[in-house]
Amino acid sequence: LQLEQARSLRRGRAVLRQAYDHETGQFVDTRVVEANSYILVSGLHPFYLKGMRDLLDIKVFLDPEEDLRRAWKTERDTKERDYTAEQVTQSMEERRADGRLYIEPQRQHADLVVRFCRNSGAASTAVDGREDGLHREGGLRLECRTDNSVNLFGLVEGLSSLPNLNITHEFDGSETQKFSAQGHVESGVLREIVAREVPAVDEIIHPNARFSDDLNGILQVVFLCLVSEKEGTSVN
C-alpha cells in the first residue's frame, strides 16, 4: 500500500492515509495527503522494496548507536505512549530478530546514513537529542556517511573555522565519504554557511526556514547539500 500510494503522489495524485494508534494497535483517522514538490516518506521499511527505492530521490537511514537508540526509545514510549520501561524493553527484545532481518539490511541502500554516538565519558542515559543536557553539553557526536560525489567541502571548511566545533572529514574508499561533528554552533551561523556554500539554496528552502542549533542544525545542512546535489543533477 505504501508503494502504491508513493507512486500516486509521485504522479501528482492525492491519496488517503491512515494514522496508527499505538494504544489500540489499529489504523484510524483517514486523511487526504496531497502531492507536493517535495514528498517525505518516513517509516521502518521505506527501502525494503526495490520499487520503493526506485521512487525515492534521497534515502536517509537513521542508525544511532544501539545503547542510545534504546535510551531514546524508552524515553519516548514511556513519556508519549504510556508504556512502562519494562514493556519497552520487552518489546525491543521481541523485535530484535526482525530488526536484523528487515530493518538493518536497508542501510546499504541509503544515500545518507546518520549516526548519533555518545562521546567517551558521557553520561549513560540520554533523552531526546534536541533538548537533552547531554546533547547541549557536547555529549553526543554526529556521524554521516554519504556518496563522495556530494560536495561537502564548503560545509567542512565553514564549520572547521568555528571555535566550538570538532569536525572531521575523510573519504572512505572510492565510493563514500565520512563526516563527523561534535560541539556547539548557533542556527544563525549555520544559515550563513548555507547561504554561502549550498548552491541554489534559495530554490530549495523557504526564506523563513528555521535551522536548529548544534548537531541537529548541522544535519539539516548536510541534508541540504544532498538536495542541492540532486537538484543540480536533475537540471543538468
Protein backbone atom coordinates (compact mmCIF):
# COMPACT_ATOMS: atom_id res chain seq x y z
CA LEU A 1 0.00 0.00 0.00
CA GLN A 2 2.82 2.39 0.85
CA LEU A 3 4.44 1.73 -2.52
CA GLU A 4 1.21 2.29 -4.44
CA GLN A 5 0.48 5.49 -2.55
CA ALA A 6 4.02 6.75 -3.13
CA ARG A 7 3.58 6.11 -6.85
CA SER A 8 0.33 8.05 -6.85
CA LEU A 9 1.89 11.00 -5.04
CA ARG A 10 4.82 10.97 -7.46
CA ARG A 11 2.29 11.25 -10.30
CA GLY A 12 0.66 14.24 -8.61
CA ARG A 13 -2.38 12.38 -7.27
CA ALA A 14 -3.69 12.75 -3.72
CA VAL A 15 -4.02 9.63 -1.53
CA LEU A 16 -5.89 8.58 1.61
CA ARG A 17 -3.64 7.74 4.55
CA GLN A 18 -4.47 6.34 7.98
CA ALA A 19 -2.60 7.10 11.19
CA TYR A 20 -1.56 4.25 13.50
CA ASP A 21 -2.87 4.37 17.08
CA HIS A 22 -0.21 2.88 19.37
CA GLU A 23 -2.69 2.47 22.22
CA THR A 24 -5.17 0.33 20.29
CA GLY A 25 -2.93 -1.15 17.61
CA GLN A 26 -5.40 -0.01 14.96
CA PHE A 27 -5.25 2.31 11.97
CA VAL A 28 -7.50 5.34 12.47
CA ASP A 29 -8.18 8.89 11.28
CA THR A 30 -8.20 8.60 7.49
CA ARG A 31 -6.96 11.84 5.92
CA VAL A 32 -6.13 13.17 2.49
CA VAL A 33 -2.45 13.65 1.64
CA GLU A 34 -1.90 15.95 -1.33
CA ALA A 35 1.01 15.65 -3.74
CA ASN A 36 3.68 18.34 -3.49
CA SER A 37 7.05 19.33 -4.91
CA TYR A 38 8.78 17.55 -2.04
CA ILE A 39 7.32 14.39 -0.50
CA LEU A 40 8.71 12.85 2.69
CA VAL A 41 8.25 9.15 3.44
CA SER A 42 9.06 8.11 6.99
CA GLY A 43 8.85 4.63 8.46
CA LEU A 44 10.57 1.35 9.23
CA HIS A 45 10.54 -0.19 5.75
CA PRO A 46 10.81 2.54 3.10
CA PHE A 47 13.82 0.96 1.31
CA TYR A 48 12.84 -2.70 1.66
CA LEU A 49 11.05 -2.97 -1.70
CA LYS A 50 13.10 -2.22 -4.81
CA GLY A 51 10.12 -0.46 -6.38
CA MET A 52 10.01 1.91 -3.43
CA ARG A 53 13.76 2.56 -3.60
CA ASP A 54 13.44 3.44 -7.26
CA LEU A 55 10.86 6.12 -6.43
CA LEU A 56 12.91 7.91 -3.79
CA ASP A 57 15.41 10.57 -4.85
CA ILE A 58 17.18 10.71 -1.49
CA LYS A 59 17.19 7.89 1.04
CA VAL A 60 18.21 8.61 4.64
CA PHE A 61 18.83 5.80 7.14
CA LEU A 62 18.90 6.69 10.85
CA ASP A 63 21.41 4.46 12.61
CA PRO A 64 22.04 5.71 16.18
CA GLU A 65 24.39 3.88 18.49
CA GLU A 66 22.41 0.93 19.88
CA ASP A 67 22.51 1.93 23.56
CA LEU A 68 21.49 5.45 22.62
CA ARG A 69 18.67 4.19 20.39
CA ARG A 70 17.30 2.08 23.23
CA ALA A 71 17.52 5.01 25.66
CA TRP A 72 15.71 7.34 23.24
CA LYS A 73 13.01 4.75 22.50
CA THR A 74 12.44 4.10 26.21
CA GLU A 75 12.20 7.83 26.88
CA ARG A 76 9.70 8.38 24.07
CA ASP A 77 7.50 5.37 24.73
CA THR A 78 7.26 5.92 28.48
CA LYS A 79 6.50 9.64 28.15
CA GLU A 80 4.43 9.79 24.96
CA ARG A 81 2.85 6.33 24.74
CA ASP A 82 2.35 5.47 28.42
CA TYR A 83 4.38 2.26 28.34
CA THR A 84 6.42 1.13 31.31
CA ALA A 85 10.18 0.82 30.89
CA GLU A 86 9.81 -2.94 31.30
CA GLN A 87 7.26 -3.10 28.48
CA VAL A 88 9.53 -1.12 26.18
CA THR A 89 12.49 -3.38 26.94
CA GLN A 90 10.39 -6.49 26.32
CA SER A 91 9.14 -5.09 23.01
CA MET A 92 12.67 -4.31 21.84
CA GLU A 93 13.85 -7.81 22.71
CA GLU A 94 10.91 -9.40 20.90
CA ARG A 95 11.65 -7.37 17.77
CA ARG A 96 15.43 -7.76 17.78
CA ALA A 97 15.44 -10.62 15.24
CA ASP A 98 13.03 -8.79 12.92
CA GLY A 99 15.23 -5.72 13.08
CA ARG A 100 18.22 -7.70 11.89
CA LEU A 101 16.24 -9.32 9.08
CA TYR A 102 14.18 -6.41 7.78
CA ILE A 103 15.48 -3.07 9.11
CA GLU A 104 19.27 -3.24 9.18
CA PRO A 105 19.69 -4.52 5.57
CA GLN A 106 18.08 -1.31 4.31
CA ARG A 107 21.14 0.64 5.46
CA GLN A 108 23.09 -0.44 2.36
CA HIS A 109 20.58 1.33 0.09
CA ALA A 110 20.75 4.72 1.84
CA ASP A 111 22.22 7.83 0.24
CA LEU A 112 22.88 9.20 3.72
CA VAL A 113 23.48 7.17 6.88
CA VAL A 114 23.07 9.26 10.04
CA ARG A 115 24.53 8.06 13.31
CA PHE A 116 24.48 9.71 16.73
CA CYS A 117 27.01 8.39 19.25
CA ARG A 118 27.90 9.15 22.83
CA ASN A 119 31.34 10.57 23.36
CA SER A 120 33.56 8.58 25.66
CA GLY A 121 32.87 9.57 29.25
CA ALA A 122 29.38 10.89 28.51
CA ALA A 123 26.51 10.04 30.81
CA SER A 124 24.97 6.59 30.40
CA THR A 125 21.41 7.88 30.00
CA ALA A 126 20.02 10.28 27.45
CA VAL A 127 16.74 11.57 26.14
CA ASP A 128 15.74 13.46 23.04
CA GLY A 129 18.83 14.78 21.25
CA ARG A 130 17.32 18.26 20.71
CA GLU A 131 16.66 19.04 24.36
CA ASP A 132 18.80 16.73 26.46
CA GLY A 133 21.51 18.24 28.65
CA LEU A 134 23.88 15.59 27.35
CA HIS A 135 23.40 16.99 23.84
CA ARG A 136 23.78 20.61 24.91
CA GLU A 137 26.99 19.85 26.77
CA GLY A 138 28.58 18.18 23.79
CA GLY A 139 27.95 14.63 24.98
CA LEU A 140 26.94 13.45 21.52
CA ARG A 141 28.75 13.16 18.21
CA LEU A 142 27.11 13.22 14.78
CA GLU A 143 28.48 10.91 12.10
CA CYS A 144 27.30 10.96 8.48
CA ARG A 145 28.25 8.73 5.57
CA THR A 146 27.27 9.56 2.01
CA ASP A 147 28.31 9.18 -1.61
CA ASN A 148 31.55 11.02 -2.31
CA SER A 149 30.02 12.83 -5.27
CA VAL A 150 28.20 15.10 -2.81
CA ASN A 151 30.19 18.29 -2.31
CA LEU A 152 30.74 18.79 1.43
CA PHE A 153 33.96 20.78 1.14
CA GLY A 154 32.38 24.20 1.69
CA LEU A 155 30.45 22.92 4.71
CA VAL A 156 33.55 21.30 6.19
CA GLU A 157 35.64 24.43 5.67
CA GLY A 158 32.99 26.71 7.15
CA LEU A 159 32.37 24.56 10.20
CA SER A 160 36.07 23.81 10.80
CA SER A 161 36.76 27.51 11.22
CA LEU A 162 34.42 27.76 14.22
CA PRO A 163 36.00 27.57 17.67
CA ASN A 164 33.44 25.37 19.44
CA LEU A 165 33.26 22.55 16.91
CA ASN A 166 35.36 19.50 16.19
CA ILE A 167 34.90 18.48 12.55
CA THR A 168 36.41 15.53 10.70
CA HIS A 169 36.03 14.57 7.06
CA GLU A 170 37.60 11.75 5.07
CA PHE A 171 36.99 9.63 2.00
CA ASP A 172 36.09 6.05 2.82
CA GLY A 173 37.37 4.13 -0.18
CA SER A 174 36.43 5.21 -3.69
CA GLU A 175 32.66 5.41 -3.21
CA THR A 176 31.76 7.11 0.06
CA GLN A 177 32.84 9.85 2.45
CA LYS A 178 32.51 10.21 6.21
CA PHE A 179 31.78 13.41 8.08
CA SER A 180 31.57 13.88 11.83
CA ALA A 181 30.78 16.82 14.09
CA GLN A 182 30.91 17.45 17.81
CA GLY A 183 30.30 20.65 19.75
CA HIS A 184 28.14 23.76 19.52
CA VAL A 185 27.04 26.11 16.77
CA GLU A 186 24.16 28.59 16.65
CA SER A 187 21.48 28.35 14.00
CA GLY A 188 22.27 31.83 12.63
CA VAL A 189 25.83 30.78 11.86
CA LEU A 190 24.58 27.68 10.07
CA ARG A 191 22.22 29.80 7.98
CA GLU A 192 25.18 31.96 6.90
CA ILE A 193 27.16 28.88 5.89
CA VAL A 194 24.20 27.53 3.93
CA ALA A 195 23.72 30.82 2.07
CA ARG A 196 27.42 30.83 1.17
CA GLU A 197 28.12 27.18 0.43
CA VAL A 198 24.95 25.40 -0.75
CA PRO A 199 24.26 26.05 -4.47
CA ALA A 200 20.76 27.25 -5.38
CA VAL A 201 19.64 27.07 -1.76
CA ASP A 202 17.01 29.76 -2.39
CA GLU A 203 15.29 27.35 -4.76
CA ILE A 204 15.24 24.60 -2.13
CA ILE A 205 14.11 26.17 1.15
CA HIS A 206 11.69 28.87 2.20
CA PRO A 207 13.27 32.24 3.01
CA ASN A 208 11.99 31.93 6.59
CA ALA A 209 13.09 28.32 7.04
CA ARG A 210 14.27 27.66 10.59
CA PHE A 211 17.54 25.96 11.46
CA SER A 212 18.27 24.16 14.70
CA ASP A 213 21.33 24.79 16.83
CA ASP A 214 24.19 22.34 17.25
CA LEU A 215 24.20 18.83 15.77
CA ASN A 216 20.63 18.77 14.50
CA GLY A 217 21.28 22.00 12.64
CA ILE A 218 24.46 20.59 11.12
CA LEU A 219 22.48 17.55 9.99
CA GLN A 220 19.99 19.86 8.30
CA VAL A 221 22.83 21.45 6.35
CA VAL A 222 24.28 18.07 5.31
CA PHE A 223 20.85 17.08 4.02
CA LEU A 224 20.55 20.35 2.10
CA CYS A 225 23.86 19.54 0.42
CA LEU A 226 22.33 16.26 -0.80
CA VAL A 227 19.18 18.02 -2.02
CA SER A 228 21.27 20.63 -3.82
CA GLU A 229 23.32 17.89 -5.49
CA LYS A 230 20.14 16.12 -6.60
CA GLU A 231 18.62 19.35 -7.89
CA GLY A 232 21.77 20.13 -9.85
CA THR A 233 21.86 16.64 -11.35
CA SER A 234 18.22 16.93 -12.37
CA VAL A 235 18.82 20.30 -14.03
CA ASN A 236 21.87 19.02 -15.90
